Structure formats: C-alpha cells, structure tokens
Amino acid sequence: MIVTVTVNPMAEHLFSVPHFEAPGDFRATEKARLIPTGKPLNVGRALHDLGEQVLNVVALGGRTGREIEELLEKERLPTRVVSLRRESRRGFTVFDEQGRTTTVYGPPPKLEDAEVEAIVAAVRSLMPVGKLVLGGSTSRLDLYPRLCELGVPVVLDCRGPALIDSLKASRDVLLAKPNLKEVRQTFGVHTAQEGLQALIDAGARSAVVTDEGRDAWFRVCGRTFRARPPAVDVVHSVGCGDALAAGLIKKMGRPAREMVAFAMACGAHAAGRADVASLNLTDCEELAREIDVHEVSG
C-alpha cells in the first residue's frame, strides 16, 4: 500500500475564464469546479486512477475541512482524517482558454504540537507500507523529517528547508520532485540538470525536475533523461506535476525509458482534463508511445 500525507489540503475552486488577465471584470464560462487539492493528495488521486492501493492521510479542520472530507468521500478516495483545531484553507484558480493558470492560496492553518504528534502517530499506525508520499507547504518544518524517519521509502515534493531536512532525515528517499523554480530557490542552481545533481548529491535515489509545460529532466536508474511533453489540448496545469509523479511511482521497477515516458504521459493526460490529477490508465499507456525521451550523458 502507498500512503500519502497532506497536512495542508485546500478546497480549490477552478474557474474557466477565457481571455483572463488582471485587472478587469470577467465572467466564467461555466460553473466553478470544487476539488480537494494538495500535492500528495493529488498524487494519491492519480495513483488510485492507475489502479494502485492508496490511503490518503489528510489533516482537516473547521467547516472547510468537513467539506473537503465530504468531497473525498464522493470521489471514493480512501482517506484517514487527522482533526485540526483551525480552519483548513480555501483558494481558487482561474484558467484561460490556453490553460494558463492564476491561483490564490488561502491562509493555511498553523499546526499545534499535539496535531503534529497526531499526524505522526496516524502514519506510524499504518506501518509497514510500501511507500510514503510527502509534500506541499507546511507550517511545521519538523514534520516531514519526522515522517522520513519512519523507515519507509519516501517520495518528496517540497522545497527549501523542508526538502533539505527531509533528505537528511531519510535513508531511503525513493524520489524527489521539486519543479525548476523550487530547486533554484532551494539549492541556488540555475538549470534543471544542475538541480537533478543537487538532489542526488543530497541523498535522493531518483529525481525529477519539471518546468511547467516544457521539457522535464529525470535521473532514474543512475541515468539522466530529458523528456518532451506531447502536444495536447491543455485545459489547465493544476496537478499535472503530481500526475507525473504518480506515473513514475506506478512504473518503478520497469526499464528507465518506460518509466520516464509513462510519467510524462500521465502529466500530459492530466493537463487535458478539467479535473485535477485525474487519469485513465489505458489512455496514458497509449500516450506514452508518443513521448520523446532523450538520454543525456554526463
């Protein structure tokens, strides 16, 4: 079983607004979609679609937290809730006809010591598990390193001190997946390839650095690859990187090129759907045949 841990999920309203730009007055073309989001939760949703056994641990509080829990129940996503005293966050994303997004994140709840202990205890009670997926923002930089010390292969998608401290804490970071902006902020590098090396040097066994809709860079099986996304009709990019991570997790143990191609296919497939990190296994496998994957020496 794969366990994801989302300590700062969001009730996210998605609006389709053609020709959007700020400032101005605009009208959405259809009713907003309300979707529970958060990096690990999105990965869990995508893995569930790909047929994997997943349990999503989510920290929820207040009326918004209850709404997120109800939405997850409607999706039939296996979930374990850790209760928070403060209100879970809410936000919105506007995307135009070209799939360009503008997101506003509501204020996150600050985790208390007892709540951190409850999250760690909830995850520990599920041991042993196959993989642990951690990521997203958190008000407690000590939380991810503590979870990394549970002795389970970890997938990390975070940045800054949370990423660096987690890499130090875990002996088995299976995959680290910040985007290019995050890896630049964390390590002071300039290119995705430099970011890959920094992640490997910091202790990750595999790494991916994405750059929105442009080429992604992978270090898997000790080899470096650059992969170009296929041409798809983009709806929006919310959760596409999380879908890519799910694809890579799904194919771990397969030949390196197959892993990379399928991961890119999952990210591209998600971009063409109105939901967040929603996948169809058959469609992703077909799309993987179209992915341009180049091995990079050195």
Protein backbone atom coordinates (compact mmCIF):
# COMPACT_ATOMS: atom_id res chain seq x y z
CA MET A 1 0.00 0.00 0.00
CA ILE A 2 1.05 3.59 -0.71
CA VAL A 3 0.28 6.25 1.91
CA THR A 4 0.11 9.94 1.06
CA VAL A 5 0.23 12.61 3.77
CA THR A 6 -1.34 16.00 3.06
CA VAL A 7 -1.06 18.34 6.03
CA ASN A 8 -2.28 21.45 4.20
CA PRO A 9 -5.01 20.45 1.73
CA MET A 10 -7.17 23.08 0.06
CA ALA A 11 -10.75 23.30 -1.12
CA GLU A 12 -9.93 24.70 -4.55
CA HIS A 13 -12.46 26.40 -6.82
CA LEU A 14 -11.49 26.16 -10.51
CA PHE A 15 -12.90 28.76 -12.90
CA SER A 16 -12.64 28.69 -16.69
CA VAL A 17 -12.35 32.34 -17.81
CA PRO A 18 -11.36 32.96 -21.45
CA HIS A 19 -9.03 35.93 -22.10
CA PHE A 20 -8.42 36.37 -18.37
CA GLU A 21 -5.85 38.92 -17.24
CA ALA A 22 -5.68 41.15 -14.20
CA PRO A 23 -7.07 43.66 -13.55
CA GLY A 24 -10.54 43.54 -15.11
CA ASP A 25 -14.04 42.16 -14.86
CA PHE A 26 -14.67 38.70 -16.33
CA ARG A 27 -17.38 36.09 -16.41
CA ALA A 28 -16.70 32.38 -16.07
CA THR A 29 -17.94 30.26 -18.97
CA GLU A 30 -19.25 27.52 -16.70
CA LYS A 31 -19.90 26.74 -13.05
CA ALA A 32 -16.74 26.50 -10.97
CA ARG A 33 -15.47 23.04 -10.08
CA LEU A 34 -14.70 22.47 -6.39
CA ILE A 35 -11.90 19.93 -5.89
CA PRO A 36 -9.85 18.98 -2.82
CA THR A 37 -6.20 19.55 -3.72
CA GLY A 38 -2.72 19.34 -2.24
CA LYS A 39 0.38 17.76 -3.76
CA PRO A 40 0.32 14.36 -2.00
CA LEU A 41 -3.46 14.16 -2.24
CA ASN A 42 -3.26 14.80 -5.99
CA VAL A 43 -0.63 12.05 -6.30
CA GLY A 44 -2.92 9.73 -4.37
CA ARG A 45 -5.87 10.53 -6.64
CA ALA A 46 -3.79 9.80 -9.74
CA LEU A 47 -2.39 6.56 -8.29
CA HIS A 48 -5.91 5.45 -7.40
CA ASP A 49 -6.95 6.02 -11.02
CA LEU A 50 -3.93 3.95 -12.12
CA GLY A 51 -5.12 1.00 -10.03
CA GLU A 52 -2.78 1.32 -7.05
CA GLN A 53 -3.83 0.70 -3.44
CA VAL A 54 -3.59 4.10 -1.75
CA LEU A 55 -4.59 5.58 1.58
CA ASN A 56 -4.60 9.37 1.89
CA VAL A 57 -3.90 10.80 5.34
CA VAL A 58 -5.26 14.36 5.43
CA ALA A 59 -5.23 16.95 8.21
CA LEU A 60 -8.55 18.80 8.24
CA GLY A 61 -10.19 21.43 10.39
CA GLY A 62 -13.34 23.53 10.60
CA ARG A 63 -16.17 23.82 8.12
CA THR A 64 -13.83 23.78 5.14
CA GLY A 65 -12.23 20.61 6.47
CA ARG A 66 -15.61 18.90 6.70
CA GLU A 67 -16.36 19.99 3.14
CA ILE A 68 -13.05 18.54 1.90
CA GLU A 69 -13.82 15.27 3.69
CA GLU A 70 -17.25 15.07 2.05
CA LEU A 71 -15.74 15.73 -1.38
CA LEU A 72 -13.17 12.96 -0.86
CA GLU A 73 -15.98 10.60 0.12
CA LYS A 74 -17.80 11.44 -3.11
CA GLU A 75 -14.63 10.64 -5.04
CA ARG A 76 -14.39 7.37 -3.11
CA LEU A 77 -10.76 8.06 -2.29
CA PRO A 78 -9.63 6.02 0.74
CA THR A 79 -8.91 8.59 3.43
CA ARG A 80 -7.89 8.83 7.07
CA VAL A 81 -8.57 12.19 8.68
CA VAL A 82 -6.49 13.84 11.40
CA SER A 83 -8.53 16.62 13.03
CA LEU A 84 -7.17 20.14 13.37
CA ARG A 85 -8.43 22.93 15.62
CA ARG A 86 -8.02 25.63 12.99
CA GLU A 87 -9.85 26.00 9.69
CA SER A 88 -8.50 24.28 6.58
CA ARG A 89 -7.60 26.57 3.73
CA ARG A 90 -9.65 27.51 0.70
CA GLY A 91 -8.47 29.02 -2.59
CA PHE A 92 -9.21 29.40 -6.26
CA THR A 93 -7.62 29.01 -9.66
CA VAL A 94 -8.59 30.82 -12.83
CA PHE A 95 -7.51 29.29 -16.12
CA ASP A 96 -7.93 30.75 -19.60
CA GLU A 97 -8.54 29.13 -22.99
CA GLN A 98 -4.81 28.39 -23.33
CA GLY A 99 -4.63 26.62 -19.98
CA ARG A 100 -2.68 29.39 -18.27
CA THR A 101 -3.46 29.49 -14.56
CA THR A 102 -3.63 32.07 -11.80
CA THR A 103 -4.01 30.65 -8.29
CA VAL A 104 -4.76 32.34 -4.98
CA TYR A 105 -3.99 30.24 -1.90
CA GLY A 106 -5.93 30.93 1.27
CA PRO A 107 -4.10 31.16 4.60
CA PRO A 108 -3.07 27.75 5.96
CA PRO A 109 -3.85 26.53 9.47
CA LYS A 110 -0.91 26.61 11.85
CA LEU A 111 -0.24 23.17 13.29
CA GLU A 112 0.00 22.83 17.05
CA ASP A 113 2.40 20.43 18.77
CA ALA A 114 -0.40 17.99 19.61
CA GLU A 115 -1.59 18.00 16.00
CA VAL A 116 1.91 17.23 14.71
CA GLU A 117 2.06 14.32 17.14
CA ALA A 118 -1.35 13.11 15.94
CA ILE A 119 -0.26 13.17 12.28
CA VAL A 120 2.94 11.25 13.04
CA ALA A 121 1.00 8.73 15.16
CA ALA A 122 -1.61 8.22 12.44
CA VAL A 123 1.07 7.46 9.86
CA ARG A 124 3.06 5.27 12.24
CA SER A 125 -0.06 3.21 12.96
CA LEU A 126 -0.24 2.24 9.28
CA MET A 127 3.28 0.79 9.14
CA PRO A 128 4.61 -1.11 7.32
CA VAL A 129 3.65 0.38 3.95
CA GLY A 130 5.27 0.27 0.53
CA LYS A 131 5.82 3.99 0.01
CA LEU A 132 5.15 7.28 1.75
CA VAL A 133 4.33 10.38 -0.33
CA LEU A 134 5.02 13.73 1.36
CA GLY A 135 4.93 17.28 0.08
CA GLY A 136 3.35 20.65 -0.23
CA SER A 137 3.62 23.54 2.19
CA THR A 138 3.54 23.12 5.96
CA SER A 139 3.79 25.46 8.92
CA ARG A 140 5.93 22.91 10.76
CA LEU A 141 9.30 22.28 9.16
CA ASP A 142 9.98 19.46 11.63
CA LEU A 143 7.05 17.34 10.45
CA TYR A 144 8.35 15.92 7.16
CA PRO A 145 11.76 14.97 8.60
CA ARG A 146 10.00 13.12 11.42
CA LEU A 147 7.89 11.19 8.94
CA CYS A 148 11.02 10.44 6.92
CA GLU A 149 12.50 8.74 9.97
CA LEU A 150 9.82 6.03 9.96
CA GLY A 151 11.99 3.80 7.78
CA VAL A 152 9.75 3.73 4.68
CA PRO A 153 10.72 4.59 1.08
CA VAL A 154 9.72 8.24 0.64
CA VAL A 155 8.58 10.38 -2.29
CA LEU A 156 9.21 14.09 -1.61
CA ASP A 157 7.71 17.10 -3.36
CA CYS A 158 8.56 20.15 -1.29
CA ARG A 159 11.17 22.90 -1.23
CA GLY A 160 13.55 24.86 0.95
CA PRO A 161 14.44 23.68 4.46
CA ALA A 162 11.60 21.12 4.45
CA LEU A 163 13.20 19.40 1.45
CA ILE A 164 16.79 19.64 2.66
CA ASP A 165 15.98 18.46 6.20
CA SER A 166 13.85 15.59 4.89
CA LEU A 167 16.65 14.42 2.60
CA LYS A 168 18.97 14.42 5.61
CA ALA A 169 16.47 12.55 7.78
CA SER A 170 15.61 9.72 5.41
CA ARG A 171 17.90 6.90 4.37
CA ASP A 172 15.55 5.98 1.55
CA VAL A 173 14.24 8.93 -0.50
CA LEU A 174 12.95 6.99 -3.45
CA LEU A 175 12.11 10.11 -5.46
CA ALA A 176 12.48 13.89 -5.05
CA LYS A 177 10.35 16.00 -7.40
CA PRO A 178 10.55 19.78 -7.00
CA ASN A 179 9.95 21.99 -10.02
CA LEU A 180 12.63 24.20 -11.52
CA LYS A 181 11.60 27.30 -9.56
CA GLU A 182 11.65 25.34 -6.29
CA VAL A 183 15.01 23.69 -6.96
CA ARG A 184 16.52 27.07 -7.78
CA GLN A 185 15.22 28.54 -4.53
CA THR A 186 16.40 25.54 -2.51
CA PHE A 187 19.88 24.91 -3.92
CA GLY A 188 20.78 28.11 -5.75
CA VAL A 189 21.24 26.29 -9.06
CA HIS A 190 20.28 27.64 -12.46
CA THR A 191 19.33 24.70 -14.66
CA ALA A 192 17.18 21.61 -14.26
CA GLN A 193 20.19 19.39 -14.87
CA GLU A 194 22.08 21.12 -12.04
CA GLY A 195 19.00 20.66 -9.89
CA LEU A 196 18.96 16.93 -10.57
CA GLN A 197 22.56 16.62 -9.47
CA ALA A 198 21.92 18.65 -6.33
CA LEU A 199 19.04 16.36 -5.38
CA ILE A 200 21.11 13.23 -5.97
CA ASP A 201 24.05 14.68 -4.05
CA ALA A 202 21.65 15.43 -1.16
CA GLY A 203 20.64 11.78 -0.97
CA ALA A 204 17.72 11.16 -3.35
CA ARG A 205 17.88 7.86 -5.23
CA SER A 206 15.87 9.28 -8.15
CA ALA A 207 14.86 12.82 -9.04
CA VAL A 208 12.65 14.77 -11.42
CA VAL A 209 12.70 18.49 -12.14
CA THR A 210 9.70 19.78 -14.06
CA ASP A 211 9.27 23.16 -15.72
CA GLU A 212 5.54 23.67 -16.32
CA GLY A 213 4.78 22.64 -19.91
CA ARG A 214 8.40 22.48 -21.03
CA ASP A 215 10.92 19.62 -21.00
CA ALA A 216 11.29 17.68 -17.77
CA TRP A 217 14.56 16.20 -16.53
CA PHE A 218 14.82 12.80 -14.86
CA ARG A 219 17.54 10.90 -13.01
CA VAL A 220 16.38 7.29 -12.72
CA CYS A 221 18.33 4.04 -12.54
CA GLY A 222 21.54 6.07 -12.42
CA ARG A 223 20.81 7.60 -15.86
CA THR A 224 19.77 11.10 -16.91
CA PHE A 225 16.93 11.76 -19.34
CA ARG A 226 15.27 14.79 -20.87
CA ALA A 227 11.67 14.27 -21.95
CA ARG A 228 9.47 16.49 -24.05
CA PRO A 229 5.72 16.57 -23.38
CA PRO A 230 3.44 15.63 -26.28
CA ALA A 231 1.11 18.11 -27.94
CA VAL A 232 -2.26 18.00 -26.14
CA ASP A 233 -5.21 20.36 -25.85
CA VAL A 234 -4.45 21.83 -22.44
CA VAL A 235 -7.37 22.62 -20.14
CA HIS A 236 -5.25 23.64 -17.15
CA SER A 237 -1.99 22.61 -15.48
CA VAL A 238 -3.22 22.18 -11.88
CA GLY A 239 -1.93 18.87 -10.55
CA CYS A 240 -0.06 17.87 -13.71
CA GLY A 241 3.26 17.53 -11.89
CA ASP A 242 1.54 15.37 -9.29
CA ALA A 243 0.10 13.14 -12.01
CA LEU A 244 3.61 12.86 -13.48
CA ALA A 245 4.95 11.75 -10.10
CA ALA A 246 2.18 9.17 -9.82
CA GLY A 247 3.09 7.78 -13.23
CA LEU A 248 6.71 7.40 -12.22
CA ILE A 249 5.73 5.67 -8.98
CA LYS A 250 3.42 3.33 -10.89
CA LYS A 251 6.21 2.20 -13.23
CA MET A 252 9.06 1.95 -10.72
CA GLY A 253 11.00 -1.23 -11.37
CA ARG A 254 10.35 -1.09 -15.13
CA PRO A 255 13.04 -0.08 -17.67
CA ALA A 256 14.14 3.53 -17.26
CA ARG A 257 12.82 4.82 -20.59
CA GLU A 258 9.44 3.23 -19.96
CA MET A 259 9.26 4.89 -16.56
CA VAL A 260 10.06 8.32 -17.98
CA ALA A 261 7.71 8.04 -20.96
CA PHE A 262 4.78 6.89 -18.84
CA ALA A 263 5.35 9.61 -16.25
CA MET A 264 5.35 12.30 -18.94
CA ALA A 265 2.24 10.78 -20.48
CA CYS A 266 0.41 10.97 -17.14
CA GLY A 267 1.32 14.63 -16.70
CA ALA A 268 0.18 15.48 -20.23
CA HIS A 269 -3.01 13.45 -19.93
CA ALA A 270 -3.94 15.27 -16.72
CA ALA A 271 -3.42 18.63 -18.45
CA GLY A 272 -6.14 17.77 -20.94
CA ARG A 273 -8.82 17.10 -18.31
CA ALA A 274 -10.95 19.53 -16.31
CA ASP A 275 -10.45 17.64 -13.05
CA VAL A 276 -7.20 17.68 -11.05
CA ALA A 277 -4.69 14.82 -11.48
CA SER A 278 -7.38 12.62 -12.99
CA LEU A 279 -6.04 9.78 -15.14
CA ASN A 280 -7.11 6.92 -17.36
CA LEU A 281 -4.58 4.08 -17.40
CA THR A 282 -5.26 2.95 -20.96
CA ASP A 283 -5.07 6.48 -22.36
CA CYS A 284 -1.81 7.14 -20.51
CA GLU A 285 -0.23 3.94 -21.82
CA GLU A 286 -1.18 4.89 -25.39
CA LEU A 287 0.10 8.45 -24.98
CA ALA A 288 3.40 7.16 -23.59
CA ARG A 289 4.24 5.82 -27.06
CA GLU A 290 4.33 9.42 -28.34
CA ILE A 291 6.77 10.77 -25.74
CA ASP A 292 10.15 11.95 -26.97
CA VAL A 293 12.76 10.73 -24.45
CA HIS A 294 16.50 11.51 -24.82
CA GLU A 295 19.25 10.11 -22.63
CA VAL A 296 21.80 12.71 -21.63
CA SER A 297 25.41 11.70 -20.99
CA GLY A 298 27.50 13.08 -18.19
